[in-house]
Amino acid sequence: MRVDEMEKTGHYRRWKEDLSLVRALEIDALRYGPPYYRVHLGPGRYDWEFTDQVFAEIRRLGITPIVDLCHFGVPDWLGNFQNPEFPYFFAEYARAFAQRFPWVEFYTPVNEMYVTAKFSAHEGLWNERLASDRAFVTAVKHLAKANILATEAILEAQPSARFIQSESSEYFHPSGPDAMEVVRHLNEMRFLALDLAYGTDVYGRMYEFLADNGLTRDEYHFFLDRGVKARCIMGNDYYATNEHIVYPDGSTYICEMFGYYVITRQYYNRYRIPVMHTETNNRDLGTGEKDARIWLEKQWSNLVRLKADGVPIIGFTWYSLIDQVDWDSSLENNVGTVNHYGLCDLERQIRPIGEAYRELIRTWRFEVDNDFPCLK
């Protein structure tokens, strides 16, 4: 079953209202994903009608788009992320998009490659719904290859393009000494998609894991030789669900211990490129908007401290603009549960957290001559 969050939230009917909310909140840049499965109809075939309308309005309003080309799913005709042809056809789509919208400068070719591979091929929830190490390695290598080929294709059409690679920033804590080996592996796995995309030579035991699960020597050297790191900004997404206590049997439960500062610092130390906080929102505790505002202040304070400590932070993002539907079950249950994570509700009314976000923008936007981040 395909789940379309844009359909669930009414975006296809109310997209002009949604874009007007961006301006009402004084947000100057927007992470926006055209519906890939509705646009790319087959090899060399596209339906641009909806996308043309939306991007014309984005341009008219003076909003800077950060275009999210693949967000968790593919068109039916491509099947899923086990398909070795996916990277090539996706690059074709990316090139076609860049040629059609040459004024667009910022892209996220594939959103959250690690999460996409994990949920689709290791946890059995999305797309191929498989649950094995081999399926995970297959998915992550195809996603990373698609990201690289799409980046190269976009640069052919738009040489000044920049790439903001949104990725979940995770950390795994051992419950005790017996869990240390499991945790070591999981804490290397969290980097794997970015390691491949950025041409980072992995540790020996991770290379053994990849080779044992189907990655060939030639495939590995493709990533070492074709990394696109030099044109990239590393996006780190952080939620209260990103940290996990791990038991010796591999079972986990969610905890929030280190926070955005510590974990993003780990990612920055590994890759040494500019950073953007590309997703966060409040935990839905059911106790009112105060929780969202406290979470916003906490994330912003972490980000400002990182900037002051020398990490080149260039932006911050609250996800999402409007409330979400069924994300409390990671879209596994299609029951219409509204999750109050948005800056605005599904009636397109600005919520208290939206007012707080606009005030944050007003307070910080011109503080020190662009030495602090922009907000998305």
Protein backbone atom coordinates (compact mmCIF):
# COMPACT_ATOMS: atom_id res chain seq x y z
CA MET A 1 0.00 0.00 0.00
CA ARG A 2 1.32 3.42 -0.98
CA VAL A 3 1.06 6.15 1.64
CA ASP A 4 1.14 9.74 0.40
CA GLU A 5 1.56 12.24 3.24
CA MET A 6 0.86 15.17 0.89
CA GLU A 7 -2.53 13.64 0.11
CA LYS A 8 -3.27 12.94 3.77
CA THR A 9 -2.53 16.49 4.84
CA GLY A 10 -4.48 18.09 1.97
CA HIS A 11 -1.42 19.66 0.34
CA TYR A 12 -2.49 18.84 -3.21
CA ARG A 13 -5.67 20.88 -2.68
CA ARG A 14 -4.22 23.63 -0.48
CA TRP A 15 -0.67 24.07 -1.72
CA LYS A 16 -1.12 27.80 -2.39
CA GLU A 17 -2.27 28.30 1.21
CA ASP A 18 0.70 26.30 2.43
CA LEU A 19 3.18 28.43 0.52
CA SER A 20 1.50 31.60 1.76
CA LEU A 21 2.04 30.30 5.32
CA VAL A 22 5.77 30.13 4.60
CA ARG A 23 5.76 33.85 3.86
CA ALA A 24 3.44 34.62 6.81
CA LEU A 25 5.94 32.94 9.12
CA GLU A 26 8.75 35.01 7.52
CA ILE A 27 10.63 31.87 6.48
CA ASP A 28 12.91 32.55 3.52
CA ALA A 29 13.90 29.00 2.54
CA LEU A 30 11.81 25.85 2.34
CA ARG A 31 12.68 22.17 2.16
CA TYR A 32 10.17 20.96 -0.42
CA GLY A 33 9.77 17.59 -2.11
CA PRO A 34 7.89 17.18 -5.38
CA PRO A 35 5.92 13.89 -5.36
CA TYR A 36 8.48 11.69 -7.09
CA TYR A 37 6.14 8.76 -7.67
CA ARG A 38 3.60 11.02 -9.42
CA VAL A 39 6.14 12.87 -11.57
CA HIS A 40 8.42 10.11 -12.91
CA LEU A 41 6.01 7.98 -14.93
CA GLY A 42 8.60 5.76 -16.65
CA PRO A 43 11.96 5.96 -18.42
CA GLY A 44 12.12 9.45 -19.92
CA ARG A 45 8.45 10.14 -19.08
CA TYR A 46 7.32 12.84 -16.64
CA ASP A 47 4.17 14.61 -15.51
CA TRP A 48 5.28 18.10 -14.47
CA GLU A 49 1.85 19.75 -14.20
CA PHE A 50 1.61 19.99 -10.41
CA THR A 51 5.33 20.63 -9.91
CA ASP A 52 5.34 23.43 -12.51
CA GLN A 53 2.53 25.21 -10.68
CA VAL A 54 4.10 24.87 -7.25
CA PHE A 55 7.58 25.98 -8.26
CA ALA A 56 6.24 28.94 -10.21
CA GLU A 57 4.54 30.10 -7.01
CA ILE A 58 7.63 29.40 -4.90
CA ARG A 59 9.64 31.56 -7.27
CA ARG A 60 6.99 34.31 -7.34
CA LEU A 61 6.95 34.47 -3.54
CA GLY A 62 10.73 34.74 -3.39
CA ILE A 63 11.14 31.55 -1.36
CA THR A 64 14.44 29.70 -1.74
CA PRO A 65 13.62 26.00 -2.28
CA ILE A 66 15.79 23.14 -1.04
CA VAL A 67 14.45 20.46 -3.35
CA ASP A 68 13.98 17.02 -1.81
CA LEU A 69 13.89 14.71 -4.84
CA CYS A 70 13.39 11.30 -3.17
CA HIS A 71 11.75 11.10 0.24
CA PHE A 72 11.39 7.46 1.33
CA GLY A 73 9.70 5.98 -1.75
CA VAL A 74 9.88 5.34 -5.52
CA PRO A 75 7.35 5.06 -8.37
CA ASP A 76 5.62 1.69 -8.68
CA TRP A 77 7.39 0.91 -11.95
CA LEU A 78 10.79 1.02 -10.17
CA GLY A 79 9.63 -1.37 -7.45
CA ASN A 80 11.83 -0.64 -4.45
CA PHE A 81 15.38 -0.01 -3.30
CA GLN A 82 16.55 -3.55 -4.07
CA ASN A 83 16.31 -2.66 -7.77
CA PRO A 84 19.84 -2.09 -9.18
CA GLU A 85 18.37 0.10 -11.95
CA PHE A 86 16.98 2.61 -9.46
CA PRO A 87 20.18 4.75 -9.23
CA TYR A 88 20.34 5.24 -13.00
CA PHE A 89 16.68 6.10 -13.52
CA PHE A 90 16.71 8.39 -10.49
CA ALA A 91 19.71 10.26 -11.92
CA GLU A 92 17.75 10.66 -15.15
CA TYR A 93 14.91 12.24 -13.17
CA ALA A 94 17.28 14.53 -11.26
CA ARG A 95 18.81 15.76 -14.51
CA ALA A 96 15.38 16.37 -16.02
CA PHE A 97 14.29 18.34 -12.95
CA ALA A 98 17.42 20.52 -12.97
CA GLN A 99 16.99 21.21 -16.68
CA ARG A 100 13.36 22.20 -16.20
CA PHE A 101 14.06 24.44 -13.19
CA PRO A 102 17.53 25.88 -13.84
CA TRP A 103 17.02 28.64 -11.26
CA VAL A 104 16.93 26.12 -8.39
CA GLU A 105 20.25 26.00 -6.54
CA PHE A 106 19.83 23.75 -3.47
CA TYR A 107 19.03 20.05 -3.50
CA THR A 108 18.64 17.06 -1.22
CA PRO A 109 18.85 14.27 -3.83
CA VAL A 110 17.89 11.42 -1.47
CA ASN A 111 16.50 12.23 1.96
CA GLU A 112 17.71 10.21 4.98
CA MET A 113 19.36 7.34 3.12
CA TYR A 114 20.16 5.48 6.34
CA VAL A 115 16.57 5.66 7.62
CA THR A 116 15.17 4.72 4.20
CA ALA A 117 17.38 1.63 4.00
CA LYS A 118 16.79 0.69 7.65
CA PHE A 119 12.99 0.93 7.54
CA SER A 120 12.66 -0.58 4.06
CA ALA A 121 15.16 -3.42 4.25
CA HIS A 122 16.12 -4.04 7.89
CA GLU A 123 12.93 -3.34 9.86
CA GLY A 124 10.45 -4.56 7.23
CA LEU A 125 8.19 -1.50 7.38
CA TRP A 126 8.40 0.34 4.03
CA ASN A 127 8.87 -0.33 0.32
CA GLU A 128 10.42 -3.81 -0.08
CA ARG A 129 9.53 -4.66 3.55
CA LEU A 130 12.54 -6.89 4.06
CA ALA A 131 14.42 -7.55 7.28
CA SER A 132 17.98 -8.75 6.78
CA ASP A 133 21.54 -7.42 6.75
CA ARG A 134 21.90 -8.33 3.08
CA ALA A 135 18.75 -6.46 2.08
CA PHE A 136 19.92 -3.46 4.13
CA VAL A 137 23.34 -3.36 2.45
CA THR A 138 21.70 -3.67 -0.96
CA ALA A 139 19.32 -0.80 -0.22
CA VAL A 140 21.96 1.49 1.25
CA LYS A 141 24.41 0.97 -1.62
CA HIS A 142 21.67 1.69 -4.17
CA LEU A 143 20.52 4.78 -2.27
CA ALA A 144 24.06 6.15 -1.91
CA LYS A 145 24.81 5.43 -5.57
CA ALA A 146 21.57 7.15 -6.60
CA ASN A 147 22.54 10.15 -4.50
CA ILE A 148 25.96 10.40 -6.16
CA LEU A 149 24.69 9.90 -9.72
CA ALA A 150 21.88 12.40 -9.17
CA THR A 151 24.35 14.95 -7.80
CA GLU A 152 26.55 14.55 -10.86
CA ALA A 153 23.53 14.80 -13.18
CA ILE A 154 22.27 17.97 -11.51
CA LEU A 155 25.72 19.56 -11.73
CA GLU A 156 25.77 18.94 -15.47
CA ALA A 157 22.59 21.01 -15.79
CA GLN A 158 23.25 23.47 -12.95
CA PRO A 159 27.00 23.84 -12.25
CA SER A 160 26.42 26.16 -9.29
CA ALA A 161 24.13 23.73 -7.43
CA ARG A 162 24.78 22.88 -3.78
CA PHE A 163 23.63 19.79 -1.92
CA ILE A 164 22.22 19.57 1.59
CA GLN A 165 22.25 15.89 2.53
CA SER A 166 19.60 15.48 5.20
CA GLU A 167 20.40 12.43 7.37
CA SER A 168 19.25 11.17 10.73
CA SER A 169 21.93 11.73 13.39
CA GLU A 170 21.78 8.67 15.64
CA TYR A 171 23.55 7.34 18.70
CA PHE A 172 23.42 3.97 20.47
CA HIS A 173 24.25 3.60 24.18
CA PRO A 174 25.19 0.25 25.74
CA SER A 175 23.02 -1.02 28.59
CA GLY A 176 26.14 -2.71 30.00
CA PRO A 177 29.47 -4.32 29.06
CA ASP A 178 27.75 -7.24 27.34
CA ALA A 179 26.16 -4.86 24.83
CA MET A 180 29.37 -3.10 23.82
CA GLU A 181 30.01 -5.15 20.68
CA VAL A 182 26.45 -4.72 19.42
CA VAL A 183 26.66 -0.97 20.09
CA ARG A 184 30.00 -0.64 18.30
CA HIS A 185 28.45 -2.15 15.17
CA LEU A 186 25.31 0.00 15.33
CA ASN A 187 27.32 3.16 15.86
CA GLU A 188 29.32 2.40 12.73
CA MET A 189 26.17 1.49 10.79
CA ARG A 190 24.65 4.93 11.47
CA PHE A 191 27.45 6.52 9.41
CA LEU A 192 27.32 4.03 6.55
CA ALA A 193 25.14 5.92 4.05
CA LEU A 194 27.13 9.12 4.45
CA ASP A 195 30.44 7.21 4.38
CA LEU A 196 29.53 5.80 0.97
CA ALA A 197 28.13 9.09 -0.35
CA TYR A 198 31.17 11.07 0.82
CA GLY A 199 33.80 8.52 -0.23
CA THR A 200 34.91 7.77 3.34
CA ASP A 201 37.03 4.66 3.83
CA VAL A 202 35.16 2.56 6.42
CA TYR A 203 36.74 0.59 9.26
CA GLY A 204 37.89 -2.97 8.55
CA ARG A 205 35.07 -4.74 10.36
CA MET A 206 32.48 -2.62 8.57
CA TYR A 207 34.09 -3.49 5.23
CA GLU A 208 33.83 -7.18 6.20
CA PHE A 209 30.14 -6.65 7.02
CA LEU A 210 29.55 -5.03 3.64
CA ALA A 211 31.45 -7.73 1.75
CA ASP A 212 29.66 -10.50 3.64
CA ASN A 213 26.35 -8.98 2.57
CA GLY A 214 26.95 -8.50 -1.12
CA LEU A 215 29.00 -5.34 -1.67
CA THR A 216 31.72 -6.11 -4.21
CA ARG A 217 35.21 -4.64 -4.27
CA ASP A 218 34.38 -2.74 -7.48
CA GLU A 219 31.21 -1.33 -5.92
CA TYR A 220 33.14 -0.18 -2.87
CA HIS A 221 35.71 1.59 -5.02
CA PHE A 222 32.94 3.34 -6.93
CA PHE A 223 32.12 5.14 -3.68
CA LEU A 224 35.75 5.87 -2.83
CA ASP A 225 36.33 7.32 -6.29
CA ARG A 226 33.02 9.19 -6.84
CA GLY A 227 32.34 10.94 -3.55
CA VAL A 228 30.60 14.30 -3.91
CA LYS A 229 31.56 15.66 -0.51
CA ALA A 230 33.16 18.85 -1.83
CA ARG A 231 29.78 20.20 -3.03
CA CYS A 232 27.84 19.15 0.05
CA ILE A 233 26.45 20.56 3.27
CA MET A 234 25.78 17.86 5.84
CA GLY A 235 22.22 17.91 7.14
CA ASN A 236 21.77 16.44 10.62
CA ASP A 237 18.22 15.60 11.70
CA TYR A 238 17.63 15.21 15.42
CA TYR A 239 14.56 14.07 17.36
CA ALA A 240 14.11 12.72 20.87
CA THR A 241 13.84 9.29 19.21
CA ASN A 242 17.37 9.39 17.72
CA GLU A 243 19.16 7.94 20.74
CA HIS A 244 18.76 4.35 21.90
CA ILE A 245 19.75 2.15 24.83
CA VAL A 246 20.90 -1.21 23.43
CA TYR A 247 20.78 -4.61 25.14
CA PRO A 248 23.06 -7.59 24.37
CA ASP A 249 20.33 -9.29 22.30
CA GLY A 250 20.08 -6.20 20.08
CA SER A 251 16.77 -4.95 21.49
CA THR A 252 16.57 -1.20 22.12
CA TYR A 253 14.52 1.49 23.72
CA ILE A 254 14.49 5.20 23.07
CA CYS A 255 16.31 7.63 25.32
CA GLU A 256 17.43 11.24 25.04
CA MET A 257 20.84 11.63 26.68
CA PHE A 258 23.52 13.42 24.63
CA GLY A 259 21.34 15.68 22.46
CA TYR A 260 22.02 17.48 19.19
CA TYR A 261 25.29 19.14 20.22
CA VAL A 262 27.24 16.00 21.12
CA ILE A 263 25.98 13.82 18.27
CA THR A 264 26.33 16.47 15.56
CA ARG A 265 29.86 17.12 16.77
CA GLN A 266 30.63 13.43 16.16
CA TYR A 267 29.32 13.67 12.59
CA TYR A 268 31.19 16.90 11.95
CA ASN A 269 34.46 15.45 13.27
CA ARG A 270 34.05 12.56 10.84
CA TYR A 271 33.27 14.54 7.67
CA ARG A 272 34.48 18.13 8.29
CA ILE A 273 32.02 19.94 6.04
CA PRO A 274 29.43 22.67 6.76
CA VAL A 275 26.40 21.56 8.77
CA MET A 276 22.69 22.33 8.76
CA HIS A 277 20.11 21.19 11.31
CA THR A 278 17.69 19.85 8.71
CA GLU A 279 14.83 18.40 10.82
CA THR A 280 13.45 18.51 14.32
CA ASN A 281 10.14 18.89 16.14
CA ASN A 282 8.69 18.47 19.59
CA ARG A 283 7.93 15.22 21.28
CA ASP A 284 4.17 14.70 21.23
CA LEU A 285 3.62 14.34 24.98
CA GLY A 286 0.04 15.52 24.85
CA THR A 287 0.65 18.30 27.36
CA GLY A 288 0.30 21.32 25.12
CA GLU A 289 2.32 23.70 23.02
CA LYS A 290 4.73 24.50 25.85
CA ASP A 291 6.54 21.22 25.09
CA ALA A 292 7.14 22.30 21.50
CA ARG A 293 8.49 25.70 22.52
CA ILE A 294 10.87 24.19 25.09
CA TRP A 295 12.12 21.75 22.45
CA LEU A 296 12.63 24.58 19.94
CA GLU A 297 14.62 26.61 22.47
CA LYS A 298 16.70 23.56 23.37
CA GLN A 299 17.58 22.77 19.75
CA TRP A 300 18.39 26.38 18.94
CA SER A 301 20.63 26.67 22.01
CA ASN A 302 22.51 23.52 20.97
CA LEU A 303 22.96 24.96 17.50
CA VAL A 304 24.21 28.34 18.72
CA ARG A 305 26.72 26.62 21.02
CA LEU A 306 28.00 24.50 18.13
CA LYS A 307 28.42 27.63 16.03
CA ALA A 308 30.29 29.38 18.83
CA ASP A 309 32.57 26.34 19.23
CA GLY A 310 33.67 26.48 15.59
CA VAL A 311 31.30 24.12 13.78
CA PRO A 312 30.20 25.85 10.54
CA ILE A 313 26.41 25.76 11.03
CA ILE A 314 24.46 27.39 8.19
CA GLY A 315 20.79 26.69 8.89
CA PHE A 316 18.01 25.34 11.09
CA THR A 317 14.74 23.61 10.20
CA TRP A 318 11.51 22.80 12.05
CA TYR A 319 9.77 19.85 10.45
CA SER A 320 7.08 20.29 9.37
CA LEU A 321 5.16 23.33 8.14
CA ILE A 322 1.77 21.76 8.84
CA ASP A 323 0.71 18.92 11.13
CA GLN A 324 1.43 15.37 10.03
CA VAL A 325 -0.83 12.33 9.76
CA ASP A 326 0.06 8.82 11.06
CA TRP A 327 3.75 9.59 11.64
CA ASP A 328 3.33 8.31 15.21
CA SER A 329 3.39 4.82 13.67
CA SER A 330 6.03 5.67 11.03
CA LEU A 331 3.15 5.47 8.51
CA GLU A 332 2.69 1.77 9.27
CA ASN A 333 -0.90 2.34 10.42
CA ASN A 334 -3.07 4.16 7.90
CA VAL A 335 -5.72 5.34 10.37
CA GLY A 336 -5.71 9.13 10.03
CA THR A 337 -4.17 10.05 13.39
CA VAL A 338 -3.20 13.72 13.37
CA ASN A 339 0.22 14.38 14.91
CA HIS A 340 0.57 17.94 16.16
CA TYR A 341 4.15 18.56 15.06
CA GLY A 342 3.59 21.36 12.56
CA LEU A 343 4.08 25.10 12.78
CA CYS A 344 0.47 25.23 11.54
CA ASP A 345 -2.49 22.90 11.96
CA LEU A 346 -4.37 21.10 9.19
CA GLU A 347 -6.83 23.99 9.03
CA ARG A 348 -3.84 26.15 8.07
CA GLN A 349 -3.96 28.14 11.29
CA ILE A 350 -0.60 29.15 12.77
CA ARG A 351 -0.08 27.31 16.05
CA PRO A 352 1.73 28.72 19.12
CA ILE A 353 4.95 26.96 18.08
CA GLY A 354 4.64 28.72 14.70
CA GLU A 355 4.41 32.08 16.47
CA ALA A 356 7.47 31.15 18.56
CA TYR A 357 9.36 30.15 15.42
CA ARG A 358 8.54 33.43 13.68
CA GLU A 359 9.72 35.31 16.76
CA LEU A 360 12.98 33.34 16.73
CA ILE A 361 13.51 34.36 13.11
CA ARG A 362 12.85 38.01 13.90
CA THR A 363 15.18 37.94 16.90
CA TRP A 364 18.17 36.32 15.20
CA ARG A 365 17.92 37.14 11.50
CA PHE A 366 20.06 40.29 11.45
CA GLU A 367 21.92 39.81 14.72
CA VAL A 368 25.52 39.59 13.53
CA ASP A 369 25.77 40.11 9.78
CA ASN A 370 25.09 36.54 8.64
CA ASP A 371 27.45 34.99 11.18
CA PHE A 372 24.51 33.07 12.63
CA PRO A 373 22.26 30.57 10.88
CA CYS A 374 19.24 31.16 8.75
CA LEU A 375 16.00 29.38 9.59
CA LYS A 376 14.11 27.08 7.23
